Amino acid sequence: MTRLPPTRVVRAATALRTALQSLTRRMAPPEVCLLEFASGFVTTHAVYAAARLGIADVLADGPLTADDVAAEVGSDPDATHRLLRACATFGIFREDPRGLFRLTPVAERLRSDTSDSMLPVVLMLGDPAYQRPWGRLAHCVETGRPAVEEMFGMPMWEYLDEHPEFAATFNDAMTRLSALDWPTVEAAYDFTPYSTIVDIGGGHGQLLARILGAAPLAKGVLQEREALAGDAEEHLRAAGVLPRCRIEAGSFFETAPSDGDLYVLRRVVHDFDDGQATAILTNVRRHMPRGATLLLMESVVPPGNTPHFAKTLDLDMMLFVGGRERTEREFATLLERAGFRMTRVVPTISTISLVEAVSTGGQL
């Protein structure tokens, strides 16, 4: 298991970083701060352009001039130099006095051939299909309706079904983000007491495979829509856990496996408003055996002005699917409505927390 620093150490470091950022903002004129905030999109698109061109892969073997990079990726030399120079101000690439550009530790994560690559996530965040709805944020706030439905004429999930190229980009990013969370989840939660672990809405099975790797005596059940469940078998086989697994196709609004003692939902309920989320959780509870545990892997919104990824991810949910991130109190209320009692919230050193609950009524 990856050795990670204690949560309290990471939180202290994050608090220090936040304090330094706040101090920097207070030292700058307010108009300068606003200009920096409003021009943040430039960073997104510069990093996306570098990712699309594969510049990090070209620089993996050593520093090159902008002309050499351009020759490798098939781009205009002058424009390539200007892009590299801008990215270097963000700490992505570094230019030396001889005009040679090299990778920084941040740029290493843009390579396509490393296990810790963030390339799939950057390619999703900069994709025009992802960027366009953000331009409608003000209208979304005015109407309270997802921008995607208005712009594309269909809900996000239907858009993904009808646009396989962006769906592939989206799914690759979700897989990478799941892998990014996993070491922190494994360090914070013990899965070994459970004999049958059910992953509801588990996609292609990557999370379930990792959980079963951490709980070698457990069996696993994956429930997913039929369109996605078909690919899960190959992923579970490649991970060496298929003999311990069962795959069930079905909607989490309608059914759930009935033989688990731990039911896991990773970033499922944040895709839905309170009514739909309650319906999902109620359905799961109806199928859970008495004494089983529910585990939600979700971001938890902290109180006050504390910076947290959940507060910006909440806007993403509002724009794309009409879902929301929730505070600890909101999770407790949501779970109570669905017939659960929240037992604890386990923080991790990443942006995800583990919300644990038990049924107050047992299987119906």
Protein backbone atom coordinates (compact mmCIF):
# COMPACT_ATOMS: atom_id res chain seq x y z
CA MET A 1 0.00 0.00 0.00
CA THR A 2 1.27 3.49 -0.83
CA ARG A 3 2.63 5.26 2.25
CA LEU A 4 0.79 8.55 2.68
CA PRO A 5 1.20 11.37 5.19
CA PRO A 6 -1.37 11.60 8.02
CA THR A 7 -4.51 13.56 7.24
CA ARG A 8 -3.76 16.12 9.95
CA VAL A 9 -0.34 16.86 8.39
CA VAL A 10 -1.84 17.39 4.94
CA ARG A 11 -4.58 19.60 6.37
CA ALA A 12 -2.01 21.72 8.18
CA ALA A 13 0.03 22.09 5.00
CA THR A 14 -3.10 22.98 3.03
CA ALA A 15 -4.07 25.57 5.63
CA LEU A 16 -0.61 27.13 5.39
CA ARG A 17 -0.79 27.22 1.60
CA THR A 18 -4.25 28.82 1.75
CA ALA A 19 -3.03 31.43 4.24
CA LEU A 20 -0.10 32.34 1.98
CA GLN A 21 -2.41 32.65 -1.03
CA SER A 22 -4.77 34.84 0.99
CA LEU A 23 -1.87 37.02 2.11
CA THR A 24 -0.70 37.39 -1.49
CA ARG A 25 -4.18 38.50 -2.57
CA ARG A 26 -4.42 41.06 0.25
CA MET A 27 -1.10 42.56 -0.81
CA ALA A 28 -2.29 43.08 -4.39
CA PRO A 29 -4.75 45.81 -5.48
CA PRO A 30 -8.32 44.44 -5.73
CA GLU A 31 -8.50 45.19 -9.45
CA VAL A 32 -5.37 43.11 -10.02
CA CYS A 33 -6.88 40.21 -8.10
CA LEU A 34 -10.04 40.38 -10.19
CA LEU A 35 -8.02 40.46 -13.40
CA GLU A 36 -6.11 37.36 -12.33
CA PHE A 37 -9.31 35.53 -11.39
CA ALA A 38 -11.10 36.45 -14.62
CA SER A 39 -8.17 35.46 -16.83
CA GLY A 40 -7.77 32.03 -15.26
CA PHE A 41 -9.24 30.48 -18.41
CA VAL A 42 -5.98 31.30 -20.22
CA THR A 43 -4.13 28.79 -18.05
CA THR A 44 -6.72 26.10 -18.79
CA HIS A 45 -6.48 26.53 -22.54
CA ALA A 46 -2.68 26.83 -22.61
CA VAL A 47 -2.26 23.62 -20.64
CA TYR A 48 -4.89 21.91 -22.81
CA ALA A 49 -3.09 22.98 -25.99
CA ALA A 50 0.20 21.59 -24.67
CA ALA A 51 -1.58 18.35 -23.78
CA ARG A 52 -3.28 18.03 -27.18
CA LEU A 53 0.04 18.58 -28.97
CA GLY A 54 1.82 15.97 -26.85
CA ILE A 55 4.63 18.35 -25.91
CA ALA A 56 5.43 16.60 -22.62
CA ASP A 57 6.07 13.33 -24.46
CA VAL A 58 8.45 15.10 -26.84
CA LEU A 59 10.43 16.60 -23.94
CA ALA A 60 10.56 13.32 -21.99
CA ASP A 61 14.01 12.43 -23.38
CA GLY A 62 15.56 15.80 -22.57
CA PRO A 63 15.41 19.56 -23.20
CA LEU A 64 14.73 20.94 -26.69
CA THR A 65 14.36 24.31 -28.36
CA ALA A 66 10.91 25.47 -29.36
CA ASP A 67 11.88 24.87 -33.01
CA ASP A 68 12.76 21.26 -32.22
CA VAL A 69 9.51 20.76 -30.33
CA ALA A 70 7.57 22.24 -33.23
CA ALA A 71 9.30 19.91 -35.68
CA GLU A 72 8.37 16.91 -33.53
CA VAL A 73 4.70 17.78 -33.02
CA GLY A 74 4.09 19.39 -36.43
CA SER A 75 3.30 22.91 -35.22
CA ASP A 76 4.36 26.46 -36.09
CA PRO A 77 7.77 27.23 -34.48
CA ASP A 78 6.98 30.81 -33.39
CA ALA A 79 3.57 29.92 -32.00
CA THR A 80 5.07 26.90 -30.22
CA HIS A 81 7.67 29.10 -28.54
CA ARG A 82 4.98 31.49 -27.35
CA LEU A 83 2.92 28.63 -25.92
CA LEU A 84 5.93 27.12 -24.16
CA ARG A 85 6.93 30.50 -22.75
CA ALA A 86 3.44 31.09 -21.36
CA CYS A 87 3.27 27.59 -19.84
CA ALA A 88 6.66 28.14 -18.21
CA THR A 89 5.16 31.03 -16.22
CA PHE A 90 2.67 28.55 -14.75
CA GLY A 91 5.44 26.14 -13.73
CA ILE A 92 4.67 23.82 -16.65
CA PHE A 93 7.95 23.49 -18.58
CA ARG A 94 11.02 25.59 -17.83
CA GLU A 95 13.21 27.59 -20.20
CA ASP A 96 16.93 27.91 -19.53
CA PRO A 97 19.20 30.77 -20.67
CA ARG A 98 20.08 28.86 -23.84
CA GLY A 99 16.44 28.76 -24.96
CA LEU A 100 15.99 25.08 -24.17
CA PHE A 101 12.69 23.94 -22.66
CA ARG A 102 12.53 21.05 -20.23
CA LEU A 103 9.92 19.25 -18.15
CA THR A 104 9.09 20.31 -14.60
CA PRO A 105 7.60 17.89 -12.04
CA VAL A 106 4.17 19.27 -12.96
CA ALA A 107 4.78 18.80 -16.69
CA GLU A 108 5.86 15.18 -16.04
CA ARG A 109 2.19 14.48 -15.24
CA LEU A 110 1.26 15.54 -18.79
CA ARG A 111 3.17 12.62 -20.28
CA SER A 112 1.02 9.87 -21.76
CA ASP A 113 3.28 6.99 -20.76
CA THR A 114 3.39 7.25 -16.96
CA SER A 115 1.16 5.59 -14.39
CA ASP A 116 0.52 8.90 -12.62
CA SER A 117 -0.33 10.85 -15.78
CA MET A 118 -3.05 13.48 -15.51
CA LEU A 119 -3.27 13.79 -19.30
CA PRO A 120 -6.79 12.26 -19.54
CA VAL A 121 -8.13 14.75 -17.00
CA VAL A 122 -6.55 17.76 -18.74
CA LEU A 123 -7.90 16.58 -22.11
CA MET A 124 -11.41 16.41 -20.66
CA LEU A 125 -11.27 19.76 -18.85
CA GLY A 126 -10.08 21.60 -21.95
CA ASP A 127 -12.34 19.86 -24.44
CA PRO A 128 -14.78 22.27 -26.16
CA ALA A 129 -17.68 20.01 -25.18
CA TYR A 130 -16.72 20.52 -21.54
CA GLN A 131 -15.82 24.21 -21.81
CA ARG A 132 -18.93 25.44 -23.65
CA PRO A 133 -21.43 24.90 -20.79
CA TRP A 134 -19.24 26.95 -18.44
CA GLY A 135 -19.94 29.95 -20.62
CA ARG A 136 -23.59 29.57 -19.60
CA LEU A 137 -23.00 29.55 -15.85
CA ALA A 138 -24.79 32.87 -15.25
CA HIS A 139 -27.85 31.63 -17.14
CA CYS A 140 -27.72 28.36 -15.20
CA VAL A 141 -27.75 30.33 -11.94
CA GLU A 142 -30.71 32.39 -13.19
CA THR A 143 -32.77 29.35 -14.18
CA GLY A 144 -31.47 26.66 -11.84
CA ARG A 145 -31.38 24.25 -14.78
CA PRO A 146 -28.34 22.40 -16.18
CA ALA A 147 -26.70 24.31 -19.03
CA VAL A 148 -26.03 21.07 -20.91
CA GLU A 149 -29.72 20.35 -21.43
CA GLU A 150 -30.29 23.78 -22.96
CA MET A 151 -27.14 23.81 -25.10
CA PHE A 152 -27.21 20.23 -26.38
CA GLY A 153 -30.93 19.55 -26.18
CA MET A 154 -30.50 16.46 -24.00
CA PRO A 155 -29.23 15.41 -20.56
CA MET A 156 -25.51 14.84 -20.12
CA TRP A 157 -25.77 11.05 -20.06
CA GLU A 158 -27.65 11.00 -23.38
CA TYR A 159 -25.07 13.37 -24.87
CA LEU A 160 -22.31 10.94 -23.89
CA ASP A 161 -24.22 8.04 -25.45
CA GLU A 162 -24.56 9.96 -28.74
CA HIS A 163 -20.99 11.37 -28.83
CA PRO A 164 -18.64 8.43 -28.32
CA GLU A 165 -15.46 10.44 -28.91
CA PHE A 166 -16.13 12.82 -26.02
CA ALA A 167 -17.54 9.92 -24.00
CA ALA A 168 -14.18 8.15 -24.35
CA THR A 169 -12.38 11.31 -23.20
CA PHE A 170 -14.81 11.67 -20.27
CA ASN A 171 -14.51 8.01 -19.21
CA ASP A 172 -10.71 8.09 -19.37
CA ALA A 173 -10.73 11.14 -17.10
CA MET A 174 -13.12 9.53 -14.63
CA THR A 175 -10.96 6.40 -14.52
CA ARG A 176 -7.87 8.49 -13.77
CA LEU A 177 -9.65 10.49 -11.05
CA SER A 178 -10.83 7.26 -9.44
CA ALA A 179 -7.26 5.98 -9.42
CA LEU A 180 -6.10 9.30 -7.96
CA ASP A 181 -8.51 8.94 -5.02
CA TRP A 182 -7.83 5.28 -4.33
CA PRO A 183 -4.56 5.41 -2.32
CA THR A 184 -6.11 7.90 0.07
CA VAL A 185 -9.27 5.78 0.42
CA GLU A 186 -7.26 2.61 1.05
CA ALA A 187 -5.21 4.37 3.72
CA ALA A 188 -8.34 5.64 5.50
CA TYR A 189 -10.75 2.69 5.40
CA ASP A 190 -10.45 -1.02 6.19
CA PHE A 191 -12.38 -3.18 3.73
CA THR A 192 -11.23 -6.54 5.14
CA PRO A 193 -14.12 -7.05 7.62
CA TYR A 194 -16.59 -7.42 4.75
CA SER A 195 -17.30 -10.68 2.96
CA THR A 196 -19.35 -9.40 0.00
CA ILE A 197 -18.74 -5.90 -1.33
CA VAL A 198 -21.25 -4.41 -3.76
CA ASP A 199 -20.20 -1.52 -6.01
CA ILE A 200 -23.32 0.31 -7.18
CA GLY A 201 -22.82 2.25 -10.42
CA GLY A 202 -19.27 0.93 -10.56
CA GLY A 203 -18.59 1.60 -14.23
CA HIS A 204 -15.97 -0.70 -15.71
CA GLY A 205 -15.04 -2.19 -12.35
CA GLN A 206 -11.76 -0.41 -11.61
CA LEU A 207 -12.79 0.62 -8.10
CA LEU A 208 -14.18 -2.79 -7.22
CA ALA A 209 -10.98 -4.43 -8.46
CA ARG A 210 -8.93 -2.19 -6.17
CA ILE A 211 -11.20 -2.83 -3.20
CA LEU A 212 -10.97 -6.58 -3.71
CA GLY A 213 -7.21 -6.24 -3.93
CA ALA A 214 -7.29 -4.64 -0.48
CA ALA A 215 -9.73 -7.29 0.81
CA PRO A 216 -8.39 -10.56 -0.64
CA LEU A 217 -10.96 -12.79 1.09
CA ALA A 218 -13.99 -10.80 -0.04
CA LYS A 219 -16.33 -11.44 -2.95
CA GLY A 220 -17.46 -8.60 -5.17
CA VAL A 221 -20.64 -7.65 -7.00
CA LEU A 222 -20.69 -4.93 -9.65
CA GLN A 223 -23.95 -3.30 -10.63
CA GLU A 224 -24.01 -1.01 -13.65
CA ARG A 225 -26.15 -0.10 -16.64
CA GLU A 226 -26.05 -2.77 -19.31
CA ALA A 227 -24.21 -0.45 -21.74
CA LEU A 228 -21.24 -0.24 -19.35
CA ALA A 229 -21.46 -3.59 -17.60
CA GLY A 230 -20.36 -5.41 -20.75
CA ASP A 231 -16.82 -4.02 -20.53
CA ALA A 232 -16.43 -4.67 -16.81
CA GLU A 233 -15.70 -8.37 -17.17
CA GLU A 234 -12.48 -7.71 -19.08
CA HIS A 235 -11.28 -5.14 -16.53
CA LEU A 236 -11.98 -7.46 -13.61
CA ARG A 237 -10.27 -10.35 -15.40
CA ALA A 238 -7.19 -8.24 -16.09
CA ALA A 239 -7.06 -7.30 -12.40
CA GLY A 240 -7.17 -10.97 -11.44
CA VAL A 241 -10.37 -10.70 -9.38
CA LEU A 242 -13.02 -11.93 -11.83
CA PRO A 243 -13.31 -15.38 -10.14
CA ARG A 244 -14.47 -13.56 -7.00
CA CYS A 245 -16.91 -11.29 -8.85
CA ARG A 246 -20.44 -11.23 -10.17
CA ILE A 247 -21.74 -8.59 -12.59
CA GLU A 248 -25.37 -7.51 -12.53
CA ALA A 249 -26.84 -5.15 -15.11
CA GLY A 250 -29.53 -2.80 -13.89
CA SER A 251 -30.54 0.70 -12.88
CA PHE A 252 -29.77 1.83 -9.34
CA PHE A 253 -33.18 3.52 -9.34
CA GLU A 254 -34.88 0.14 -9.67
CA THR A 255 -32.80 -2.70 -8.27
CA ALA A 256 -29.68 -3.63 -6.31
CA PRO A 257 -27.94 -6.87 -5.31
CA SER A 258 -29.37 -8.32 -2.11
CA ASP A 259 -26.43 -10.29 -0.69
CA GLY A 260 -23.82 -7.68 0.26
CA ASP A 261 -22.59 -6.57 3.65
CA LEU A 262 -20.92 -3.42 2.27
CA TYR A 263 -22.55 -1.27 -0.44
CA VAL A 264 -20.26 1.28 -2.07
CA LEU A 265 -21.37 4.25 -4.19
CA ARG A 266 -18.48 6.37 -5.46
CA ARG A 267 -19.51 9.85 -6.61
CA VAL A 268 -22.99 8.64 -7.53
CA VAL A 269 -25.33 10.71 -5.38
CA HIS A 270 -23.60 14.00 -6.28
CA ASP A 271 -24.87 13.53 -9.84
CA PHE A 272 -28.47 13.98 -8.66
CA ASP A 273 -30.70 16.44 -6.86
CA ASP A 274 -32.05 15.56 -3.42
CA GLY A 275 -35.20 13.89 -4.74
CA GLN A 276 -33.38 11.59 -7.14
CA ALA A 277 -30.56 10.89 -4.67
CA THR A 278 -33.13 9.91 -2.05
CA ALA A 279 -34.79 7.56 -4.54
CA ILE A 280 -31.46 5.86 -5.31
CA LEU A 281 -30.53 5.43 -1.65
CA THR A 282 -34.02 4.24 -0.73
CA ASN A 283 -33.87 1.62 -3.47
CA VAL A 284 -30.46 0.41 -2.27
CA ARG A 285 -31.70 0.21 1.33
CA ARG A 286 -34.68 -1.88 0.30
CA HIS A 287 -32.33 -4.50 -1.13
CA MET A 288 -29.66 -4.43 1.58
CA PRO A 289 -29.65 -7.23 4.17
CA ARG A 290 -30.15 -6.20 7.77
CA GLY A 291 -26.86 -5.14 9.32
CA ALA A 292 -25.17 -4.18 6.03
CA THR A 293 -23.15 -0.98 5.74
CA LEU A 294 -23.48 1.80 3.17
CA LEU A 295 -20.35 3.71 2.13
CA LEU A 296 -20.59 6.86 0.03
CA MET A 297 -17.35 8.14 -1.48
CA GLU A 298 -18.07 11.82 -1.99
CA SER A 299 -16.60 15.26 -1.51
CA VAL A 300 -17.98 16.94 1.62
CA VAL A 301 -18.37 20.72 1.50
CA PRO A 302 -16.67 22.33 4.50
CA PRO A 303 -18.29 25.25 6.33
CA GLY A 304 -17.46 28.92 5.99
CA ASN A 305 -14.94 30.34 3.56
CA THR A 306 -12.56 27.38 3.70
CA PRO A 307 -11.30 26.69 0.16
CA HIS A 308 -12.19 23.20 -1.04
CA PHE A 309 -12.50 21.46 -4.38
CA ALA A 310 -16.08 20.50 -3.48
CA LYS A 311 -17.20 24.12 -3.75
CA THR A 312 -16.13 24.41 -7.38
CA LEU A 313 -17.14 20.84 -8.22
CA ASP A 314 -20.60 21.80 -6.98
CA LEU A 315 -20.87 24.32 -9.83
CA ASP A 316 -19.80 21.60 -12.27
CA MET A 317 -22.60 19.34 -11.03
CA MET A 318 -25.10 22.19 -11.34
CA LEU A 319 -24.05 22.94 -14.92
CA PHE A 320 -23.81 19.44 -16.32
CA VAL A 321 -26.26 17.14 -14.55
CA GLY A 322 -28.28 19.15 -12.06
CA GLY A 323 -26.59 17.44 -9.14
CA ARG A 324 -24.84 18.94 -6.12
CA GLU A 325 -22.08 18.53 -3.56
CA ARG A 326 -23.27 18.41 0.05
CA THR A 327 -22.21 19.39 3.54
CA GLU A 328 -21.98 16.82 6.32
CA ARG A 329 -25.35 17.97 7.66
CA GLU A 330 -26.92 17.69 4.20
CA PHE A 331 -25.61 14.15 3.86
CA ALA A 332 -27.08 13.25 7.26
CA THR A 333 -30.46 14.66 6.22
CA LEU A 334 -30.38 12.93 2.84
CA LEU A 335 -29.52 9.59 4.42
CA GLU A 336 -32.23 9.97 7.07
CA ARG A 337 -34.84 10.56 4.36
CA ALA A 338 -33.77 7.33 2.67
CA GLY A 339 -33.97 5.30 5.88
CA PHE A 340 -30.32 5.40 6.93
CA ARG A 341 -28.43 6.71 9.93
CA MET A 342 -25.04 8.28 9.24
CA THR A 343 -22.48 6.70 11.56
CA ARG A 344 -19.33 8.66 10.68
CA VAL A 345 -17.51 10.69 8.05
CA VAL A 346 -13.95 9.55 7.42
CA PRO A 347 -11.78 12.28 5.86
CA THR A 348 -8.90 11.49 3.54
CA ILE A 349 -5.96 13.56 2.34
CA SER A 350 -7.60 13.95 -1.08
CA THR A 351 -10.81 15.79 -1.92
CA ILE A 352 -12.93 12.72 -1.19
CA SER A 353 -14.43 11.66 2.15
CA LEU A 354 -16.09 8.41 3.18
CA VAL A 355 -19.62 8.82 4.45
CA GLU A 356 -20.65 5.67 6.32
CA ALA A 357 -24.22 4.78 7.23
CA VAL A 358 -26.43 1.90 8.36
CA SER A 359 -30.07 1.18 7.68
CA THR A 360 -32.61 2.15 10.31
CA GLY A 361 -35.13 -0.34 8.98
CA GLY A 362 -33.30 -3.23 7.36
CA GLN A 363 -34.22 -5.04 4.18
CA LEU A 364 -37.87 -4.67 3.12
